[in-house]
Amino acid sequence: MTSQRDPETVNLRLILVSGKTKDFTFCPNDSATDIAKHVYDNWPMDWEEEQVSSPSILRLIYQGRFLHGNVTLGALKLPPGRTTVMHLVARETLPEPNSHGQRNREKTTESSCCLLL
């Protein structure tokens, strides 16, 4: 049996920390919050051991970065009709944007000055 994919939808393969995966289909205007809610409401049976208490702690990671709740799949320019892989993790809060980069920037902007007389 073959299934025809809608060329306007975005197919996401979500990977848990445990390595388990599941494919879901979303619209380009769905946000990270919408996706977390949908996954929570349709939690796969084989993910039962990883069940979380609330959709608000589900976070998506795409290309090594946490997605904030209002980011849509369309804004990420994901190719419709193709499968994109993201990680799904349970985490209460998101890290501060660019917090690591900011620390590095602060370190590199520190300088010493020598005065030659």
N, C-alpha and C. Protein backbone atom coordinates (compact mmCIF):
# COMPACT_ATOMS: atom_id res chain seq x y z
N MET A 1 0.85 -1.18 0.00
CA MET A 1 0.00 0.00 0.00
C MET A 1 0.89 1.24 0.00
N THR A 2 0.66 2.14 -0.92
CA THR A 2 1.44 3.36 -0.99
C THR A 2 0.56 4.53 -0.61
N SER A 3 1.17 5.51 0.01
CA SER A 3 0.40 6.70 0.36
C SER A 3 0.94 7.86 -0.43
N GLN A 4 0.08 8.67 -0.94
CA GLN A 4 0.46 9.86 -1.70
C GLN A 4 0.60 11.03 -0.74
N ARG A 5 1.72 11.71 -0.81
CA ARG A 5 1.95 12.86 0.07
C ARG A 5 1.46 14.13 -0.62
N ASP A 6 0.87 15.00 0.18
CA ASP A 6 0.43 16.31 -0.31
C ASP A 6 1.67 17.15 -0.53
N PRO A 7 1.87 17.69 -1.73
CA PRO A 7 3.08 18.46 -2.00
C PRO A 7 3.15 19.77 -1.21
N GLU A 8 2.06 20.20 -0.60
CA GLU A 8 2.05 21.45 0.16
C GLU A 8 2.32 21.24 1.64
N THR A 9 2.39 20.01 2.11
CA THR A 9 2.61 19.75 3.53
C THR A 9 4.10 19.53 3.80
N VAL A 10 4.45 19.70 5.07
CA VAL A 10 5.82 19.47 5.51
C VAL A 10 5.82 18.19 6.34
N ASN A 11 6.65 17.25 5.96
CA ASN A 11 6.76 15.99 6.68
C ASN A 11 7.91 16.09 7.66
N LEU A 12 7.61 15.85 8.94
CA LEU A 12 8.65 15.90 9.98
C LEU A 12 8.88 14.50 10.53
N ARG A 13 10.13 14.12 10.61
CA ARG A 13 10.52 12.90 11.32
C ARG A 13 11.10 13.37 12.64
N LEU A 14 10.38 13.10 13.71
CA LEU A 14 10.82 13.53 15.04
C LEU A 14 11.58 12.41 15.73
N ILE A 15 12.71 12.76 16.31
CA ILE A 15 13.57 11.80 16.99
C ILE A 15 13.63 12.15 18.47
N LEU A 16 13.35 11.15 19.31
CA LEU A 16 13.47 11.33 20.76
C LEU A 16 14.91 11.07 21.19
N VAL A 17 15.25 11.46 22.40
CA VAL A 17 16.58 11.21 22.96
C VAL A 17 16.87 9.71 22.95
N SER A 18 15.84 8.90 23.15
CA SER A 18 16.00 7.45 23.17
C SER A 18 16.33 6.88 21.79
N GLY A 19 16.18 7.70 20.75
CA GLY A 19 16.44 7.24 19.39
C GLY A 19 15.19 6.82 18.63
N LYS A 20 14.05 6.74 19.32
CA LYS A 20 12.81 6.37 18.65
C LYS A 20 12.37 7.50 17.72
N THR A 21 11.80 7.13 16.58
CA THR A 21 11.36 8.14 15.61
C THR A 21 9.90 7.91 15.24
N LYS A 22 9.30 8.99 14.74
CA LYS A 22 7.92 8.92 14.23
C LYS A 22 7.76 10.05 13.22
N ASP A 23 7.07 9.76 12.13
CA ASP A 23 6.81 10.77 11.11
C ASP A 23 5.45 11.42 11.33
N PHE A 24 5.40 12.73 11.15
CA PHE A 24 4.18 13.51 11.26
C PHE A 24 4.11 14.44 10.05
N THR A 25 2.90 14.88 9.71
CA THR A 25 2.70 15.80 8.60
C THR A 25 2.05 17.08 9.12
N PHE A 26 2.61 18.23 8.70
CA PHE A 26 2.12 19.52 9.16
C PHE A 26 2.00 20.49 7.99
N CYS A 27 1.30 21.58 8.23
CA CYS A 27 1.18 22.67 7.26
C CYS A 27 2.33 23.65 7.48
N PRO A 28 2.74 24.36 6.44
CA PRO A 28 3.83 25.34 6.59
C PRO A 28 3.54 26.43 7.62
N ASN A 29 2.27 26.74 7.87
CA ASN A 29 1.96 27.80 8.84
C ASN A 29 1.83 27.28 10.27
N ASP A 30 2.09 25.98 10.51
CA ASP A 30 2.09 25.44 11.87
C ASP A 30 3.35 25.90 12.60
N SER A 31 3.17 26.30 13.85
CA SER A 31 4.30 26.77 14.67
C SER A 31 4.86 25.63 15.50
N ALA A 32 6.00 25.87 16.13
CA ALA A 32 6.61 24.88 17.01
C ALA A 32 5.64 24.52 18.15
N THR A 33 4.91 25.51 18.65
CA THR A 33 3.91 25.25 19.71
C THR A 33 2.79 24.36 19.18
N ASP A 34 2.31 24.64 17.96
CA ASP A 34 1.26 23.81 17.34
C ASP A 34 1.74 22.36 17.20
N ILE A 35 2.98 22.20 16.78
CA ILE A 35 3.54 20.86 16.58
C ILE A 35 3.63 20.12 17.90
N ALA A 36 4.14 20.80 18.94
CA ALA A 36 4.26 20.16 20.26
C ALA A 36 2.89 19.72 20.77
N LYS A 37 1.89 20.56 20.60
CA LYS A 37 0.53 20.22 21.05
C LYS A 37 -0.01 19.02 20.28
N HIS A 38 0.18 19.02 18.95
CA HIS A 38 -0.30 17.91 18.12
C HIS A 38 0.37 16.59 18.51
N VAL A 39 1.69 16.64 18.69
CA VAL A 39 2.42 15.42 19.07
C VAL A 39 1.95 14.93 20.44
N TYR A 40 1.79 15.86 21.39
CA TYR A 40 1.32 15.48 22.72
C TYR A 40 -0.07 14.83 22.64
N ASP A 41 -0.96 15.43 21.85
CA ASP A 41 -2.33 14.91 21.72
C ASP A 41 -2.39 13.59 20.96
N ASN A 42 -1.37 13.31 20.15
CA ASN A 42 -1.33 12.10 19.34
C ASN A 42 -0.07 11.29 19.65
N TRP A 43 0.26 11.20 20.93
CA TRP A 43 1.49 10.54 21.37
C TRP A 43 1.53 9.10 20.87
N PRO A 44 2.57 8.73 20.14
CA PRO A 44 2.65 7.37 19.60
C PRO A 44 2.70 6.31 20.70
N MET A 45 2.05 5.18 20.43
CA MET A 45 1.99 4.09 21.42
C MET A 45 3.39 3.58 21.76
N ASP A 46 4.28 3.52 20.77
CA ASP A 46 5.62 2.98 21.04
C ASP A 46 6.54 4.00 21.72
N TRP A 47 6.02 5.19 22.01
CA TRP A 47 6.77 6.20 22.78
C TRP A 47 6.27 6.27 24.22
N GLU A 48 5.47 5.31 24.63
CA GLU A 48 4.80 5.36 25.93
C GLU A 48 5.76 5.63 27.09
N GLU A 49 6.96 5.04 27.05
CA GLU A 49 7.92 5.22 28.15
C GLU A 49 8.42 6.66 28.25
N GLU A 50 8.34 7.42 27.16
CA GLU A 50 8.82 8.79 27.14
C GLU A 50 7.70 9.82 27.30
N GLN A 51 6.49 9.38 27.62
CA GLN A 51 5.34 10.29 27.75
C GLN A 51 5.65 11.42 28.71
N VAL A 52 5.27 12.64 28.33
CA VAL A 52 5.49 13.82 29.16
C VAL A 52 4.17 14.27 29.77
N SER A 53 4.25 15.14 30.78
CA SER A 53 3.06 15.56 31.50
C SER A 53 2.31 16.72 30.84
N SER A 54 2.99 17.44 29.93
CA SER A 54 2.37 18.62 29.34
C SER A 54 3.02 18.92 27.99
N PRO A 55 2.25 19.42 27.03
CA PRO A 55 2.85 19.78 25.74
C PRO A 55 3.79 20.99 25.84
N SER A 56 3.63 21.76 26.91
CA SER A 56 4.44 22.98 27.04
C SER A 56 5.91 22.70 27.31
N ILE A 57 6.27 21.46 27.66
CA ILE A 57 7.69 21.15 27.89
C ILE A 57 8.32 20.47 26.68
N LEU A 58 7.55 20.22 25.64
CA LEU A 58 8.12 19.62 24.44
C LEU A 58 8.81 20.69 23.61
N ARG A 59 10.05 20.45 23.25
CA ARG A 59 10.84 21.41 22.48
C ARG A 59 11.38 20.74 21.22
N LEU A 60 11.38 21.49 20.15
CA LEU A 60 11.93 21.02 18.89
C LEU A 60 13.33 21.58 18.70
N ILE A 61 14.21 20.74 18.19
CA ILE A 61 15.56 21.18 17.85
C ILE A 61 15.76 20.93 16.36
N TYR A 62 16.13 21.98 15.65
CA TYR A 62 16.37 21.88 14.21
C TYR A 62 17.74 22.47 13.90
N GLN A 63 18.56 21.70 13.25
CA GLN A 63 19.93 22.10 12.91
C GLN A 63 20.69 22.61 14.13
N GLY A 64 20.51 21.90 15.26
CA GLY A 64 21.25 22.21 16.47
C GLY A 64 20.71 23.36 17.30
N ARG A 65 19.57 23.92 16.90
CA ARG A 65 19.02 25.07 17.63
C ARG A 65 17.61 24.78 18.10
N PHE A 66 17.32 25.23 19.32
CA PHE A 66 15.96 25.12 19.84
C PHE A 66 15.05 26.08 19.08
N LEU A 67 13.88 25.60 18.71
CA LEU A 67 12.90 26.47 18.04
C LEU A 67 12.00 27.10 19.09
N HIS A 68 11.82 28.40 19.01
CA HIS A 68 10.89 29.08 19.90
C HIS A 68 9.48 28.82 19.41
N GLY A 69 8.53 28.90 20.31
CA GLY A 69 7.15 28.50 20.06
C GLY A 69 6.46 29.12 18.87
N ASN A 70 6.79 30.36 18.54
CA ASN A 70 6.07 31.04 17.47
C ASN A 70 6.69 30.85 16.09
N VAL A 71 7.81 30.13 16.00
CA VAL A 71 8.46 29.91 14.70
C VAL A 71 7.64 28.90 13.89
N THR A 72 7.31 29.27 12.65
CA THR A 72 6.54 28.37 11.79
C THR A 72 7.47 27.57 10.89
N LEU A 73 6.95 26.46 10.38
CA LEU A 73 7.73 25.64 9.46
C LEU A 73 8.02 26.42 8.18
N GLY A 74 7.08 27.25 7.75
CA GLY A 74 7.29 28.07 6.57
C GLY A 74 8.43 29.05 6.75
N ALA A 75 8.54 29.62 7.95
CA ALA A 75 9.62 30.58 8.23
C ALA A 75 10.98 29.91 8.17
N LEU A 76 11.02 28.60 8.44
CA LEU A 76 12.28 27.85 8.37
C LEU A 76 12.62 27.46 6.93
N LYS A 77 11.68 27.74 6.02
CA LYS A 77 11.86 27.41 4.60
C LYS A 77 12.10 25.92 4.39
N LEU A 78 11.34 25.09 5.12
CA LEU A 78 11.46 23.65 4.96
C LEU A 78 10.82 23.24 3.63
N PRO A 79 11.43 22.33 2.92
CA PRO A 79 10.89 21.94 1.62
C PRO A 79 9.58 21.15 1.76
N PRO A 80 8.48 21.67 1.19
CA PRO A 80 7.21 20.94 1.27
C PRO A 80 7.31 19.63 0.48
N GLY A 81 6.60 18.62 0.97
CA GLY A 81 6.58 17.33 0.29
C GLY A 81 7.78 16.45 0.58
N ARG A 82 8.76 16.96 1.31
CA ARG A 82 9.94 16.18 1.66
C ARG A 82 10.00 16.02 3.17
N THR A 83 10.77 15.04 3.63
CA THR A 83 10.87 14.78 5.06
C THR A 83 12.05 15.54 5.67
N THR A 84 11.77 16.28 6.73
CA THR A 84 12.78 17.01 7.48
C THR A 84 12.89 16.37 8.86
N VAL A 85 14.11 16.20 9.34
CA VAL A 85 14.35 15.57 10.64
C VAL A 85 14.55 16.64 11.70
N MET A 86 13.86 16.47 12.83
CA MET A 86 14.05 17.34 14.00
C MET A 86 14.10 16.46 15.24
N HIS A 87 14.75 16.97 16.26
CA HIS A 87 14.75 16.28 17.55
C HIS A 87 13.64 16.85 18.42
N LEU A 88 13.06 15.99 19.23
CA LEU A 88 12.00 16.38 20.16
C LEU A 88 12.47 16.01 21.56
N VAL A 89 12.56 17.02 22.42
CA VAL A 89 13.04 16.80 23.79
C VAL A 89 12.08 17.41 24.79
N ALA A 90 12.12 16.88 26.01
CA ALA A 90 11.34 17.46 27.11
C ALA A 90 12.27 18.39 27.88
N ARG A 91 11.90 19.66 27.92
CA ARG A 91 12.72 20.66 28.61
C ARG A 91 11.82 21.79 29.07
N GLU A 92 11.93 22.15 30.34
CA GLU A 92 11.06 23.19 30.92
C GLU A 92 11.24 24.54 30.25
N THR A 93 12.49 24.96 30.05
CA THR A 93 12.75 26.28 29.50
C THR A 93 13.72 26.18 28.32
N LEU A 94 13.70 27.19 27.50
CA LEU A 94 14.64 27.26 26.40
C LEU A 94 15.89 28.01 26.85
N PRO A 95 17.04 27.66 26.28
CA PRO A 95 18.23 28.45 26.61
C PRO A 95 18.09 29.85 26.04
N GLU A 96 18.78 30.79 26.61
CA GLU A 96 18.74 32.16 26.10
C GLU A 96 19.30 32.18 24.68
N PRO A 97 18.68 32.92 23.77
CA PRO A 97 19.21 32.98 22.42
C PRO A 97 20.63 33.54 22.42
N ASN A 98 21.50 32.86 21.71
CA ASN A 98 22.89 33.29 21.55
C ASN A 98 23.63 33.48 22.88
N SER A 99 23.19 32.82 23.94
CA SER A 99 23.86 33.01 25.23
C SER A 99 25.30 32.53 25.15
N HIS A 100 25.54 31.42 24.49
CA HIS A 100 26.90 30.90 24.36
C HIS A 100 27.72 31.82 23.47
N GLY A 101 27.15 32.24 22.37
CA GLY A 101 27.84 33.15 21.47
C GLY A 101 28.16 34.47 22.14
N GLN A 102 27.26 34.96 22.97
CA GLN A 102 27.48 36.23 23.67
C GLN A 102 28.66 36.10 24.62
N ARG A 103 28.74 34.98 25.35
CA ARG A 103 29.87 34.77 26.26
C ARG A 103 31.17 34.77 25.49
N ASN A 104 31.19 34.07 24.35
CA ASN A 104 32.40 34.04 23.54
C ASN A 104 32.75 35.43 23.03
N ARG A 105 31.75 36.18 22.63
CA ARG A 105 31.98 37.52 22.11
C ARG A 105 32.57 38.41 23.21
N GLU A 106 32.04 38.26 24.43
CA GLU A 106 32.55 39.06 25.54
C GLU A 106 34.01 38.72 25.81
N LYS A 107 34.35 37.44 25.71
CA LYS A 107 35.73 37.04 25.95
C LYS A 107 36.66 37.60 24.89
N THR A 108 36.21 37.62 23.65
CA THR A 108 37.09 38.07 22.58
C THR A 108 37.19 39.59 22.53
N THR A 109 36.25 40.31 23.14
CA THR A 109 36.33 41.76 23.11
C THR A 109 37.17 42.31 24.25
N GLU A 110 37.49 41.44 25.21
CA GLU A 110 38.37 41.87 26.28
C GLU A 110 39.76 42.08 25.68
N SER A 111 40.40 43.14 26.05
CA SER A 111 41.75 43.36 25.51
C SER A 111 42.62 44.02 26.56
N SER A 112 43.88 43.86 26.36
CA SER A 112 44.86 44.52 27.22
C SER A 112 45.56 45.56 26.37
N CYS A 113 45.99 46.59 27.01
CA CYS A 113 46.64 47.65 26.27
C CYS A 113 48.04 47.87 26.86
N CYS A 114 48.97 47.99 26.01
CA CYS A 114 50.34 48.29 26.45
C CYS A 114 50.69 49.69 25.95
N LEU A 115 51.34 50.43 26.79
CA LEU A 115 51.78 51.77 26.41
C LEU A 115 53.29 51.78 26.42
N LEU A 116 53.88 52.04 25.27
CA LEU A 116 55.33 52.10 25.17
C LEU A 116 55.77 53.54 25.25
N LEU A 117 56.68 53.79 26.13
CA LEU A 117 57.20 55.14 26.28
C LEU A 117 58.59 55.27 25.75
